[in-house]
Protein backbone atom coordinates (compact mmCIF):
# COMPACT_ATOMS: atom_id res chain seq x y z
CA MET A 1 -4.52 11.73 6.52
CA ALA A 2 -7.79 9.84 4.66
CA GLY A 3 -9.46 8.22 7.26
CA LEU A 4 -9.98 8.39 11.38
CA TYR A 5 -11.12 5.52 13.17
CA ILE A 6 -12.27 5.95 16.78
CA HIS A 7 -12.26 2.73 18.77
CA VAL A 8 -15.40 2.76 21.49
CA PRO A 9 -14.33 -0.28 23.75
CA PHE A 10 -17.39 -1.04 25.49
CA CYS A 11 -20.13 -3.84 25.05
CA LEU A 12 -23.17 -4.78 26.92
CA ARG A 13 -21.66 -8.31 26.63
CA LYS A 14 -18.61 -9.68 24.84
CA CYS A 15 -19.98 -12.06 22.02
CA GLU A 16 -18.62 -15.65 22.07
CA TYR A 17 -16.51 -15.52 19.04
CA CYS A 18 -15.02 -11.89 19.57
CA ASP A 19 -11.17 -11.31 20.18
CA PHE A 20 -11.35 -7.39 19.43
CA TYR A 21 -10.50 -5.34 22.37
CA SER A 22 -13.74 -4.48 24.33
CA GLU A 23 -14.83 -4.59 28.04
CA ALA A 24 -18.23 -6.03 29.15
CA GLY A 25 -20.60 -4.07 31.41
CA SER A 26 -17.97 -1.15 32.28
CA LEU A 27 -20.12 1.67 31.03
CA ASP A 28 -19.80 3.78 33.85
CA ARG A 29 -16.21 4.50 32.54
CA ILE A 30 -17.50 5.90 29.23
CA PRO A 31 -17.36 9.46 30.49
CA ALA A 32 -13.56 9.13 31.84
CA PHE A 33 -12.92 7.64 28.40
CA LEU A 34 -14.57 10.41 26.14
CA SER A 35 -12.45 12.94 28.24
CA ALA A 36 -9.22 10.78 27.47
CA LEU A 37 -10.19 10.41 23.83
CA GLU A 38 -10.47 14.55 23.73
CA LYS A 39 -7.07 14.60 25.11
CA GLU A 40 -5.80 11.97 22.75
CA CYS A 41 -6.98 14.23 20.02
CA ASP A 42 -5.23 17.59 21.38
CA ARG A 43 -2.24 15.94 21.17
CA TYR A 44 -2.69 15.28 17.46
CA LEU A 45 -4.95 18.46 16.70
CA GLN A 46 -2.25 21.31 17.72
CA PRO A 47 -1.58 23.97 14.79
CA SER A 48 1.92 22.75 13.93
CA ALA A 49 0.98 18.97 14.07
CA ALA A 50 1.86 16.94 10.94
CA MET A 51 -1.36 15.01 10.89
CA ARG A 52 -3.66 17.83 9.88
CA GLY A 53 -5.23 17.57 6.66
CA ILE A 54 -8.40 16.44 4.85
CA VAL A 55 -10.28 13.73 6.45
CA GLU A 56 -12.39 11.62 3.72
CA THR A 57 -13.82 9.63 6.53
CA VAL A 58 -14.68 9.03 10.29
CA TYR A 59 -15.71 5.52 11.56
CA PHE A 60 -16.74 4.89 15.03
CA GLY A 61 -15.94 0.87 15.73
CA GLY A 62 -15.54 -1.13 18.69
CA GLY A 63 -17.09 -2.53 20.90
CA THR A 64 -20.19 -1.20 20.49
CA PRO A 65 -20.09 2.59 19.40
CA SER A 66 -23.73 2.83 19.52
CA LEU A 67 -23.74 2.74 23.03
CA LEU A 68 -22.81 6.35 23.04
CA GLU A 69 -25.44 8.86 23.17
CA PRO A 70 -25.82 11.43 20.30
CA ASP A 71 -24.66 14.12 22.32
CA GLN A 72 -21.39 12.41 23.01
CA VAL A 73 -20.81 11.84 19.33
CA ASN A 74 -21.72 15.40 18.40
CA ARG A 75 -19.39 16.76 21.04
CA PHE A 76 -16.48 14.57 19.65
CA LEU A 77 -17.18 15.65 16.15
CA ARG A 78 -17.70 19.29 16.88
CA LYS A 79 -14.15 19.09 18.45
CA ILE A 80 -12.39 17.53 15.55
CA ARG A 81 -14.16 19.31 12.35
CA PRO A 82 -11.99 22.70 12.55
CA PHE A 83 -9.11 20.54 12.42
CA PHE A 84 -9.44 17.52 10.51
CA ILE A 85 -12.66 17.47 8.38
CA GLN A 86 -12.16 19.77 5.69
CA ASN A 87 -14.33 17.55 3.16
CA PRO A 88 -17.63 19.04 3.07
CA GLN A 89 -19.54 15.85 3.00
CA PRO A 90 -17.13 13.29 4.66
CA GLU A 91 -18.26 9.50 5.42
CA ILE A 92 -19.23 9.36 8.97
CA THR A 93 -20.18 5.78 9.97
CA ILE A 94 -21.13 4.11 13.35
CA GLU A 95 -21.49 0.66 14.08
CA ALA A 96 -24.39 -0.46 16.04
CA ASN A 97 -25.74 -3.40 17.59
CA PRO A 98 -29.34 -3.69 16.83
CA ALA A 99 -30.18 -4.33 20.63
CA THR A 100 -28.82 -0.73 21.38
CA LEU A 101 -30.90 1.32 18.70
CA SER A 102 -34.02 3.69 19.21
CA VAL A 103 -35.52 6.03 16.64
CA LYS A 104 -34.51 8.72 18.74
CA LYS A 105 -30.76 7.71 18.91
CA LEU A 106 -30.66 7.36 15.37
CA LYS A 107 -32.29 10.54 14.68
CA GLY A 108 -29.66 12.13 17.39
CA TYR A 109 -26.94 10.65 15.70
CA LEU A 110 -28.00 11.90 11.97
CA LYS A 111 -28.25 15.49 13.68
CA ALA A 112 -24.44 15.05 14.61
CA ASP A 113 -23.70 14.61 10.90
CA VAL A 114 -23.57 10.41 11.31
CA ASN A 115 -24.55 9.58 7.60
CA ARG A 116 -23.91 5.94 7.58
CA ILE A 117 -25.05 3.07 9.65
CA SER A 118 -23.22 -0.36 10.04
CA LEU A 119 -25.29 -2.85 11.57
CA GLY A 120 -23.81 -6.04 13.17
CA VAL A 121 -26.65 -8.54 12.31
CA GLN A 122 -24.32 -11.66 11.88
CA SER A 123 -27.34 -13.88 11.01
CA PHE A 124 -31.02 -13.91 10.69
CA ASP A 125 -31.15 -17.64 12.09
CA ASP A 126 -31.64 -17.52 15.85
CA SER A 127 -30.05 -20.71 16.40
CA VAL A 128 -26.94 -19.20 14.95
CA LEU A 129 -27.13 -16.09 16.94
CA LYS A 130 -27.44 -17.93 20.30
CA LEU A 131 -24.29 -19.71 19.32
CA LEU A 132 -22.54 -16.46 18.53
CA GLY A 133 -23.86 -15.00 22.25
CA ARG A 134 -25.50 -12.11 20.07
CA LEU A 135 -28.01 -10.05 22.10
CA HIS A 136 -30.59 -9.63 19.73
CA SER A 137 -33.07 -11.81 17.64
CA SER A 138 -33.39 -12.22 13.89
CA LYS A 139 -36.56 -10.13 14.39
CA GLU A 140 -34.80 -7.17 16.43
CA ALA A 141 -32.30 -7.38 13.47
CA GLU A 142 -35.02 -6.73 10.90
CA GLU A 143 -36.59 -4.23 12.92
CA ALA A 144 -33.40 -2.37 13.39
CA ILE A 145 -32.74 -2.16 9.63
CA ARG A 146 -36.33 -0.63 9.37
CA MET A 147 -35.49 1.72 12.12
CA VAL A 148 -32.50 2.96 10.65
CA ARG A 149 -34.29 3.58 7.32
CA GLU A 150 -37.01 5.30 8.76
CA SER A 151 -34.61 7.62 10.78
CA GLY A 152 -33.94 9.11 7.50
CA TYR A 153 -30.35 7.22 6.56
CA ASP A 154 -29.72 6.33 3.00
CA ASN A 155 -26.46 4.55 3.61
CA VAL A 156 -26.95 1.65 5.64
CA GLY A 157 -24.61 -1.54 6.10
CA VAL A 158 -24.91 -4.89 7.49
CA ASP A 159 -22.41 -7.20 8.80
CA LEU A 160 -22.97 -11.27 8.25
CA ILE A 161 -20.94 -14.09 9.26
CA TYR A 162 -20.89 -17.40 7.91
CA SER A 163 -18.69 -20.58 8.32
CA ILE A 164 -19.99 -21.13 12.11
CA PRO A 165 -19.86 -24.67 13.76
CA GLY A 166 -23.05 -26.57 12.85
CA GLN A 167 -24.22 -23.89 10.20
CA THR A 168 -25.55 -25.46 7.21
CA ARG A 169 -25.54 -24.23 3.75
CA SER A 170 -29.25 -23.87 3.78
CA GLN A 171 -29.37 -21.69 6.92
CA TRP A 172 -26.75 -19.24 5.48
CA GLU A 173 -28.83 -18.86 2.11
CA LYS A 174 -31.73 -18.25 4.14
CA THR A 175 -29.90 -15.28 5.79
CA LEU A 176 -28.43 -14.12 2.52
CA GLU A 177 -32.20 -14.20 1.07
CA LYS A 178 -33.51 -12.19 4.13
CA THR A 179 -30.92 -9.55 3.84
CA VAL A 180 -31.38 -9.16 0.18
CA LEU A 181 -35.32 -8.52 0.87
CA LEU A 182 -34.48 -5.79 3.64
CA ALA A 183 -32.22 -4.09 0.73
CA PRO A 184 -29.29 -2.46 3.05
CA ASP A 185 -26.76 -0.57 0.68
CA HIS A 186 -23.81 -2.71 1.72
CA ILE A 187 -23.18 -6.15 2.82
CA SER A 188 -20.35 -7.44 4.52
CA ALA A 189 -19.83 -11.22 4.83
CA TYR A 190 -16.84 -12.45 6.78
CA ALA A 191 -15.80 -16.14 7.28
CA LEU A 192 -15.91 -16.61 10.97
CA THR A 193 -12.19 -16.38 12.54
CA TRP A 194 -11.93 -17.90 15.63
CA SER A 195 -9.26 -17.40 18.45
CA TYR A 196 -8.62 -19.77 21.15
CA SER A 197 -8.95 -17.22 23.72
CA THR A 198 -12.63 -16.90 23.05
CA PRO A 199 -15.32 -19.06 24.67
CA LEU A 200 -16.11 -20.36 21.01
CA GLY A 201 -12.73 -21.03 20.18
CA LYS A 202 -12.09 -23.17 23.17
CA LYS A 203 -15.35 -25.22 22.56
CA ILE A 204 -13.81 -25.94 18.73
CA GLU A 205 -10.31 -26.51 20.34
CA SER A 206 -11.75 -29.11 22.82
CA GLY A 207 -14.18 -30.93 20.13
CA LEU A 208 -17.32 -29.73 21.72
CA LEU A 209 -18.33 -27.95 18.28
CA PRO A 210 -16.94 -28.78 14.94
CA LYS A 211 -14.33 -26.88 13.35
CA PRO A 212 -15.52 -25.84 9.73
CA GLY A 213 -13.39 -27.07 7.03
CA ASP A 214 -11.89 -24.79 4.29
CA ASP A 215 -13.98 -26.59 1.42
CA PHE A 216 -17.08 -25.71 3.35
CA THR A 217 -15.89 -22.01 4.08
CA ALA A 218 -15.09 -21.57 0.45
CA ASP A 219 -18.31 -23.08 -0.95
CA LEU A 220 -20.26 -20.60 1.46
CA SER A 221 -18.12 -17.89 0.31
CA MET A 222 -19.05 -19.05 -3.58
CA ALA A 223 -22.57 -19.00 -2.41
CA ALA A 224 -22.41 -15.64 -1.15
CA THR A 225 -21.03 -14.26 -4.17
CA GLU A 226 -23.49 -15.59 -6.53
CA LEU A 227 -26.51 -14.70 -4.71
CA LEU A 228 -25.56 -11.19 -4.03
CA GLU A 229 -24.33 -10.36 -7.38
CA ASP A 230 -27.58 -11.95 -8.97
CA ALA A 231 -29.42 -9.60 -6.55
CA GLY A 232 -27.51 -6.45 -7.95
CA TYR A 233 -24.59 -5.89 -5.52
CA GLU A 234 -21.14 -5.32 -6.84
CA HIS A 235 -18.60 -7.52 -5.33
CA TYR A 236 -15.76 -4.97 -4.87
CA GLU A 237 -13.90 -6.63 -2.17
CA ILE A 238 -13.16 -10.20 -1.02
CA SER A 239 -15.79 -9.94 1.87
CA ASN A 240 -17.80 -6.69 0.91
CA TYR A 241 -20.47 -5.82 -1.48
CA ALA A 242 -22.39 -2.71 -2.50
CA ARG A 243 -25.09 -1.24 -4.20
CA PRO A 244 -23.79 1.31 -7.05
CA GLY A 245 -22.06 4.21 -5.42
CA LYS A 246 -22.36 2.69 -1.53
CA ARG A 247 -18.95 1.23 -1.21
CA SER A 248 -17.27 1.64 2.41
CA LYS A 249 -15.24 4.82 1.65
CA HIS A 250 -13.42 4.25 4.99
CA ASN A 251 -12.40 0.54 4.15
CA GLU A 252 -11.34 1.46 0.69
CA SER A 253 -8.69 3.78 2.21
CA TYR A 254 -7.16 0.87 4.22
CA TRP A 255 -7.09 -1.24 0.90
CA THR A 256 -5.64 1.52 -1.00
CA GLY A 257 -2.92 2.31 1.35
CA LYS A 258 -3.98 6.01 2.18
CA PRO A 259 -2.68 6.92 5.90
CA TYR A 260 -4.97 6.73 8.56
CA LEU A 261 -5.04 7.91 12.18
CA GLY A 262 -6.58 5.59 14.65
CA LEU A 263 -7.74 6.85 18.46
CA GLY A 264 -8.67 4.72 21.34
CA PRO A 265 -7.39 1.62 22.93
CA SER A 266 -6.22 -0.76 20.69
CA ALA A 267 -6.22 1.26 17.70
CA HIS A 268 -4.04 1.29 14.91
CA SER A 269 -2.38 4.15 12.83
CA LEU A 270 -0.39 4.30 9.33
CA MET A 271 1.28 7.16 8.34
CA GLY A 272 3.85 7.16 5.66
CA ASN A 273 6.12 4.06 6.42
CA LYS A 274 5.22 3.98 10.08
CA ARG A 275 2.62 1.99 11.75
CA PHE A 276 1.62 2.46 15.53
CA TRP A 277 -0.96 1.13 17.86
CA ASN A 278 -2.24 2.48 21.17
CA VAL A 279 -2.14 0.15 24.28
CA TYR A 280 -5.00 -2.20 24.81
CA HIS A 281 -6.66 -1.39 28.17
CA VAL A 282 -9.26 1.36 28.86
CA GLU A 283 -7.88 2.25 32.35
CA ARG A 284 -4.10 2.60 31.31
CA TYR A 285 -5.24 4.44 28.24
CA ILE A 286 -6.81 6.82 30.61
CA GLN A 287 -4.21 6.88 32.81
CA ILE A 288 -1.49 7.61 30.46
CA LEU A 289 -3.38 10.71 28.59
CA SER A 290 -3.82 11.88 32.14
CA GLN A 291 -0.18 12.46 32.45
CA ASP A 292 -0.53 14.19 28.96
CA ARG A 293 1.33 11.40 27.07
CA LEU A 294 0.48 9.85 23.79
CA PRO A 295 -0.91 5.98 24.65
CA ILE A 296 1.27 4.39 22.00
CA GLU A 297 2.02 0.74 22.98
CA GLU A 298 4.39 0.18 20.03
CA GLU A 299 5.46 1.33 16.64
CA GLU A 300 6.99 -0.40 13.40
CA ILE A 301 8.98 1.09 10.51
CA LEU A 302 7.92 -0.59 7.39
CA SER A 303 10.62 -1.41 4.71
CA PRO A 304 10.09 -1.39 1.15
CA GLU A 305 9.77 -4.96 0.94
CA ASP A 306 7.06 -5.00 3.58
CA ARG A 307 5.14 -2.16 1.94
CA LYS A 308 5.18 -3.90 -1.39
CA LEU A 309 3.74 -7.22 0.12
CA GLU A 310 1.14 -5.06 2.05
CA ARG A 311 0.12 -3.48 -1.24
CA LEU A 312 -0.39 -6.74 -2.78
CA ALA A 313 -1.92 -8.21 -0.10
CA VAL A 314 -4.66 -5.40 0.51
CA GLY A 315 -5.13 -4.40 -3.35
CA LEU A 316 -5.49 -8.08 -4.37
CA ARG A 317 -8.65 -8.00 -2.34
CA ARG A 318 -10.33 -5.25 -4.28
CA LYS A 319 -12.04 -5.97 -7.49
CA GLU A 320 -9.79 -3.12 -9.24
CA GLY A 321 -6.45 -5.43 -8.33
CA VAL A 322 -2.97 -3.93 -8.42
CA SER A 323 -0.99 -2.33 -10.93
CA ILE A 324 1.50 -4.78 -12.27
CA ALA A 325 4.06 -2.30 -13.23
CA GLU A 326 4.08 -0.63 -10.00
CA LEU A 327 4.57 -3.78 -8.22
CA GLU A 328 7.05 -5.46 -10.61
CA ILE A 329 5.19 -8.62 -10.72
CA ASP A 330 6.88 -11.44 -12.21
CA GLU A 331 5.08 -12.38 -15.72
CA LYS A 332 5.76 -16.19 -15.60
CA LYS A 333 3.78 -15.99 -11.92
CA LEU A 334 1.12 -13.90 -13.65
CA SER A 335 0.75 -16.49 -16.55
CA MET A 336 0.27 -19.21 -13.89
CA LEU A 337 -2.47 -17.22 -12.04
CA VAL A 338 -4.48 -16.79 -15.16
CA GLU A 339 -3.82 -20.31 -16.67
CA ASN A 340 -5.38 -21.69 -13.45
CA ASP A 341 -8.39 -19.05 -13.51
CA LEU A 342 -7.14 -17.61 -10.31
CA ALA A 343 -6.52 -14.16 -11.97
CA VAL A 344 -7.39 -11.62 -15.06
CA VAL A 345 -4.80 -9.18 -16.50
CA SER A 346 -6.18 -6.15 -18.19
CA GLY A 347 -5.08 -2.69 -18.81
CA GLY A 348 -2.16 -3.25 -16.85
CA MET A 349 -3.79 -4.40 -13.65
CA LEU A 350 -4.09 -7.88 -12.04
CA SER A 351 -7.30 -8.72 -10.28
CA LEU A 352 -8.29 -11.70 -8.80
CA THR A 353 -11.07 -13.96 -9.93
CA SER A 354 -14.02 -15.33 -7.58
CA LYS A 355 -11.79 -18.47 -7.51
CA GLY A 356 -8.51 -16.63 -6.49
CA MET A 357 -10.07 -14.45 -4.07
CA LEU A 358 -10.48 -17.54 -1.78
CA LEU A 359 -6.52 -17.72 -2.11
CA ALA A 360 -6.06 -13.93 -1.87
CA ASP A 361 -3.38 -14.26 0.80
CA GLU A 362 -1.41 -17.13 -0.41
CA ILE A 363 -1.43 -15.47 -4.21
CA ALA A 364 0.12 -12.44 -2.60
CA MET A 365 2.95 -14.30 -0.81
CA GLY A 366 3.56 -16.12 -3.67
CA LEU A 367 3.97 -13.16 -5.79
CA VAL A 368 6.34 -11.75 -3.68
């Protein structure tokens, strides 16, 4: 098993655009959740468990994992290390909201062996942050990045969002320029995906906010690539950029098809040809584990065709691309992609150009 993901389903407040599972203002449930999380670990960490093995990465996602206290993170990591973490220096990441951090907390995480912080900045424009429902200001985000550095971390990531209703190219470029000045090691730049179930999605659906067009989204994506590559960042995946040696190892395990285990409500796992995921409710999660059962909601067995499509879909997201021979890709389709400046073929690998990356999902489906 390569990656271990822990879903922390708590937030101070739900953002307007977010449809990931989390609960707002239920912080009193954290102790019960952590007890249930340890029980879930016990189910997988038995001496005869097939899931035992080297863990290359641990990732606390959410939700807002930075609501956890350092001693809570330390207790969990001490529990799993004898069973899973046989790598002497695994990448251990915590996603953090700038509004929840302090130097004391960050140093506590570092002492607990957390060595990577991923900050949910989203924008350095206060009007955009307000529209998204973020708790922090642009100034607080800037201070958070400096705080992480001063606390001793040498691996700092920043998440940004673009193609937001009403956003201009100038606003986006200013956010990118500000990010570059603050010099994080890793930058994730995601186009906004909105759901009708979220407050922001409902406003777009009703016409209260304009729906960003595909051409505009593509324009902002290309702007990010040009600006960040000029600043020395490697565009190693559709939405991700890194300084040399600072790629997200955890996310790369997803993109390269390595097995991973997800713990916590709504967490997904992939083992061999089986994908399974947990229940989407904290109380139900706690209740099921109190009965000494695994909180698996559903599972599916992936056919060889499913696995091929998945390897194509995730592999084409990466700079390195996919193996032509392994995936038996049709030569005529390859030629069409190359002729239209959507892909490059080199050394038996098919990789997408910046233009092709904008159509990665459609290209993957077409190749299958």
